[in-house]
């Protein structure tokens, strides 16, 4: 049986190209990696556990010189699918980065979080989130 929802197409939402100055073979940025803005023009870094997601990586990068395509989060302009860790986030709740490339339920103390969980699949451990 089909259902409504699912991840928005690539063209939905604001997309940018950024640099990840901390990316390396040992500190990769993976596809769908939650990111945050960093110091410098158009620089981003992998979000650590508990940080509000500001950007999402469209593809992997393993060095600081490869440009990275990202979706900008925070404008509620697209639905994105993330894997989650820990307890499944509740419908309507916000999410934050889990520090390992996925997300976890927000505690409510994070400021500037406009994300909203729209769908939870506890079997496959993913959520669809309005970012």
C-alpha atoms as a PDB file:
ATOM      1  CA  UNK A   1       0.000   0.000   0.000  1.00  0.00           C
ATOM      2  CA  UNK A   2       1.363   3.417  -0.903  1.00  0.00           C
ATOM      3  CA  UNK A   3       1.341   6.368   1.458  1.00  0.00           C
ATOM      4  CA  UNK A   4       1.806  10.114   1.249  1.00  0.00           C
ATOM      5  CA  UNK A   5       5.108  11.705   2.120  1.00  0.00           C
ATOM      6  CA  UNK A   6       8.655  10.756   1.291  1.00  0.00           C
ATOM      7  CA  UNK A   7      11.789  12.758   0.651  1.00  0.00           C
ATOM      8  CA  UNK A   8      11.465  15.871  -1.495  1.00  0.00           C
ATOM      9  CA  UNK A   9      13.128  15.838  -4.915  1.00  0.00           C
ATOM     10  CA  UNK A  10      16.626  17.308  -5.156  1.00  0.00           C
ATOM     11  CA  UNK A  11      15.325  20.537  -6.682  1.00  0.00           C
ATOM     12  CA  UNK A  12      13.116  21.366  -3.661  1.00  0.00           C
ATOM     13  CA  UNK A  13      14.568  23.759  -1.097  1.00  0.00           C
ATOM     14  CA  UNK A  14      17.618  26.004  -1.187  1.00  0.00           C
ATOM     15  CA  UNK A  15      20.821  24.347  -2.408  1.00  0.00           C
ATOM     16  CA  UNK A  16      24.355  25.756  -2.169  1.00  0.00           C
ATOM     17  CA  UNK A  17      27.922  24.691  -2.752  1.00  0.00           C
ATOM     18  CA  UNK A  18      30.235  24.916   0.261  1.00  0.00           C
ATOM     19  CA  UNK A  19      33.709  23.863   1.370  1.00  0.00           C
ATOM     20  CA  UNK A  20      34.346  21.459   4.234  1.00  0.00           C
ATOM     21  CA  UNK A  21      37.831  22.497   5.427  1.00  0.00           C
ATOM     22  CA  UNK A  22      37.956  19.674   8.002  1.00  0.00           C
ATOM     23  CA  UNK A  23      37.147  16.871   5.520  1.00  0.00           C
ATOM     24  CA  UNK A  24      39.827  14.186   5.126  1.00  0.00           C
ATOM     25  CA  UNK A  25      40.142  10.468   4.466  1.00  0.00           C
ATOM     26  CA  UNK A  26      39.721   9.860   8.210  1.00  0.00           C
ATOM     27  CA  UNK A  27      37.065  12.549   8.805  1.00  0.00           C
ATOM     28  CA  UNK A  28      34.729  12.055   5.855  1.00  0.00           C
ATOM     29  CA  UNK A  29      31.529  13.905   5.181  1.00  0.00           C
ATOM     30  CA  UNK A  30      28.977  11.336   4.024  1.00  0.00           C
ATOM     31  CA  UNK A  31      25.795  11.673   1.972  1.00  0.00           C
ATOM     32  CA  UNK A  32      22.955  13.022   4.180  1.00  0.00           C
ATOM     33  CA  UNK A  33      25.487  14.117   6.844  1.00  0.00           C
ATOM     34  CA  UNK A  34      24.032  16.808   9.102  1.00  0.00           C
ATOM     35  CA  UNK A  35      26.270  19.891   8.937  1.00  0.00           C
ATOM     36  CA  UNK A  36      26.566  23.323  10.480  1.00  0.00           C
ATOM     37  CA  UNK A  37      28.103  26.575   9.296  1.00  0.00           C
ATOM     38  CA  UNK A  38      31.791  27.118  10.130  1.00  0.00           C
ATOM     39  CA  UNK A  39      34.130  30.118  10.156  1.00  0.00           C
ATOM     40  CA  UNK A  40      35.001  31.413   6.704  1.00  0.00           C
ATOM     41  CA  UNK A  41      33.041  32.146   3.559  1.00  0.00           C
ATOM     42  CA  UNK A  42      30.806  29.238   2.527  1.00  0.00           C
ATOM     43  CA  UNK A  43      32.505  26.848   4.985  1.00  0.00           C
ATOM     44  CA  UNK A  44      30.650  24.030   6.739  1.00  0.00           C
ATOM     45  CA  UNK A  45      31.635  21.243   9.132  1.00  0.00           C
ATOM     46  CA  UNK A  46      30.020  18.018  10.317  1.00  0.00           C
ATOM     47  CA  UNK A  47      27.530  18.722  13.103  1.00  0.00           C
ATOM     48  CA  UNK A  48      28.343  17.193  16.474  1.00  0.00           C
ATOM     49  CA  UNK A  49      25.867  15.471  18.770  1.00  0.00           C
ATOM     50  CA  UNK A  50      23.107  17.788  19.932  1.00  0.00           C
ATOM     51  CA  UNK A  51      23.694  20.542  17.375  1.00  0.00           C
ATOM     52  CA  UNK A  52      20.829  21.946  15.349  1.00  0.00           C
ATOM     53  CA  UNK A  53      21.168  20.912  11.701  1.00  0.00           C
ATOM     54  CA  UNK A  54      21.844  23.873   9.411  1.00  0.00           C
ATOM     55  CA  UNK A  55      22.865  22.039   6.204  1.00  0.00           C
ATOM     56  CA  UNK A  56      22.660  18.503   4.778  1.00  0.00           C
ATOM     57  CA  UNK A  57      25.343  16.989   2.504  1.00  0.00           C
ATOM     58  CA  UNK A  58      24.180  15.875  -0.947  1.00  0.00           C
ATOM     59  CA  UNK A  59      27.207  13.641  -1.593  1.00  0.00           C
ATOM     60  CA  UNK A  60      30.390  12.457   0.161  1.00  0.00           C
ATOM     61  CA  UNK A  61      33.676  14.398   0.334  1.00  0.00           C
ATOM     62  CA  UNK A  62      36.988  13.120   1.655  1.00  0.00           C
ATOM     63  CA  UNK A  63      39.197  16.183   1.293  1.00  0.00           C
ATOM     64  CA  UNK A  64      39.051  19.909   1.981  1.00  0.00           C
ATOM     65  CA  UNK A  65      39.382  20.880  -1.697  1.00  0.00           C
ATOM     66  CA  UNK A  66      36.305  19.141  -3.125  1.00  0.00           C
ATOM     67  CA  UNK A  67      33.226  21.422  -3.242  1.00  0.00           C
ATOM     68  CA  UNK A  68      30.189  19.969  -1.481  1.00  0.00           C
ATOM     69  CA  UNK A  69      26.590  20.422  -2.599  1.00  0.00           C
ATOM     70  CA  UNK A  70      24.240  20.933   0.345  1.00  0.00           C
ATOM     71  CA  UNK A  71      20.600  21.594   1.123  1.00  0.00           C
ATOM     72  CA  UNK A  72      20.030  24.452   3.537  1.00  0.00           C
ATOM     73  CA  UNK A  73      17.923  23.514   6.576  1.00  0.00           C
ATOM     74  CA  UNK A  74      15.856  25.837   8.712  1.00  0.00           C
ATOM     75  CA  UNK A  75      13.453  27.275   6.154  1.00  0.00           C
ATOM     76  CA  UNK A  76      10.988  24.381   6.204  1.00  0.00           C
ATOM     77  CA  UNK A  77      11.337  24.100   2.433  1.00  0.00           C
ATOM     78  CA  UNK A  78      11.874  20.357   2.009  1.00  0.00           C
ATOM     79  CA  UNK A  79      11.245  16.978   3.602  1.00  0.00           C
ATOM     80  CA  UNK A  80      14.395  14.961   4.213  1.00  0.00           C
ATOM     81  CA  UNK A  81      14.906  11.352   5.296  1.00  0.00           C
ATOM     82  CA  UNK A  82      17.452  10.704   8.070  1.00  0.00           C
ATOM     83  CA  UNK A  83      18.443   7.593   9.983  1.00  0.00           C
ATOM     84  CA  UNK A  84      18.054   8.049  13.728  1.00  0.00           C
ATOM     85  CA  UNK A  85      19.792   6.676  16.790  1.00  0.00           C
ATOM     86  CA  UNK A  86      18.388   6.106  20.247  1.00  0.00           C
ATOM     87  CA  UNK A  87      14.693   6.361  20.969  1.00  0.00           C
ATOM     88  CA  UNK A  88      12.512   7.096  17.960  1.00  0.00           C
ATOM     89  CA  UNK A  89      11.617  10.790  17.751  1.00  0.00           C
ATOM     90  CA  UNK A  90       7.912  11.540  18.242  1.00  0.00           C
ATOM     91  CA  UNK A  91       5.732  12.895  15.468  1.00  0.00           C
ATOM     92  CA  UNK A  92       5.914  16.690  15.529  1.00  0.00           C
ATOM     93  CA  UNK A  93       9.148  16.710  17.559  1.00  0.00           C
ATOM     94  CA  UNK A  94      12.374  18.370  16.501  1.00  0.00           C
ATOM     95  CA  UNK A  95      15.620  16.562  15.712  1.00  0.00           C
ATOM     96  CA  UNK A  96      19.320  17.357  16.160  1.00  0.00           C
ATOM     97  CA  UNK A  97      22.518  15.785  14.873  1.00  0.00           C
ATOM     98  CA  UNK A  98      23.604  12.593  16.637  1.00  0.00           C
ATOM     99  CA  UNK A  99      27.316  13.124  15.886  1.00  0.00           C
ATOM    100  CA  UNK A 100      27.621   9.959  13.771  1.00  0.00           C
ATOM    101  CA  UNK A 101      25.973  11.110  10.528  1.00  0.00           C
ATOM    102  CA  UNK A 102      22.356  10.669  11.596  1.00  0.00           C
ATOM    103  CA  UNK A 103      19.892  12.380  13.889  1.00  0.00           C
ATOM    104  CA  UNK A 104      18.291  11.919  17.300  1.00  0.00           C
ATOM    105  CA  UNK A 105      15.317  13.388  19.088  1.00  0.00           C
ATOM    106  CA  UNK A 106      15.833  16.953  20.268  1.00  0.00           C
ATOM    107  CA  UNK A 107      15.677  17.482  23.999  1.00  0.00           C
ATOM    108  CA  UNK A 108      13.739  20.719  23.672  1.00  0.00           C
ATOM    109  CA  UNK A 109      16.574  22.844  25.067  1.00  0.00           C
ATOM    110  CA  UNK A 110      18.160  23.471  21.649  1.00  0.00           C
ATOM    111  CA  UNK A 111      17.421  26.932  20.310  1.00  0.00           C
ATOM    112  CA  UNK A 112      16.787  27.770  16.670  1.00  0.00           C
ATOM    113  CA  UNK A 113      15.419  24.313  15.877  1.00  0.00           C
ATOM    114  CA  UNK A 114      12.604  24.523  13.340  1.00  0.00           C
ATOM    115  CA  UNK A 115      12.674  20.875  12.253  1.00  0.00           C
ATOM    116  CA  UNK A 116       9.524  18.782  12.558  1.00  0.00           C
ATOM    117  CA  UNK A 117       9.238  14.985  12.382  1.00  0.00           C
ATOM    118  CA  UNK A 118       6.465  14.037   9.948  1.00  0.00           C
ATOM    119  CA  UNK A 119       6.893  10.256   9.760  1.00  0.00           C
ATOM    120  CA  UNK A 120       8.726   7.591  11.785  1.00  0.00           C
ATOM    121  CA  UNK A 121       9.656   4.089  10.599  1.00  0.00           C
ATOM    122  CA  UNK A 122      10.823   2.183  13.687  1.00  0.00           C
ATOM    123  CA  UNK A 123      11.569  -0.983  11.691  1.00  0.00           C
ATOM    124  CA  UNK A 124      14.015   0.715   9.308  1.00  0.00           C
ATOM    125  CA  UNK A 125      15.044   3.357  11.920  1.00  0.00           C
ATOM    126  CA  UNK A 126      14.442   6.422   9.789  1.00  0.00           C
ATOM    127  CA  UNK A 127      12.422   9.599  10.050  1.00  0.00           C
ATOM    128  CA  UNK A 128      11.045  12.006   7.488  1.00  0.00           C
ATOM    129  CA  UNK A 129      11.665  15.534   8.712  1.00  0.00           C
ATOM    130  CA  UNK A 130      10.574  18.960   7.537  1.00  0.00           C
ATOM    131  CA  UNK A 131      13.788  21.010   7.461  1.00  0.00           C
END
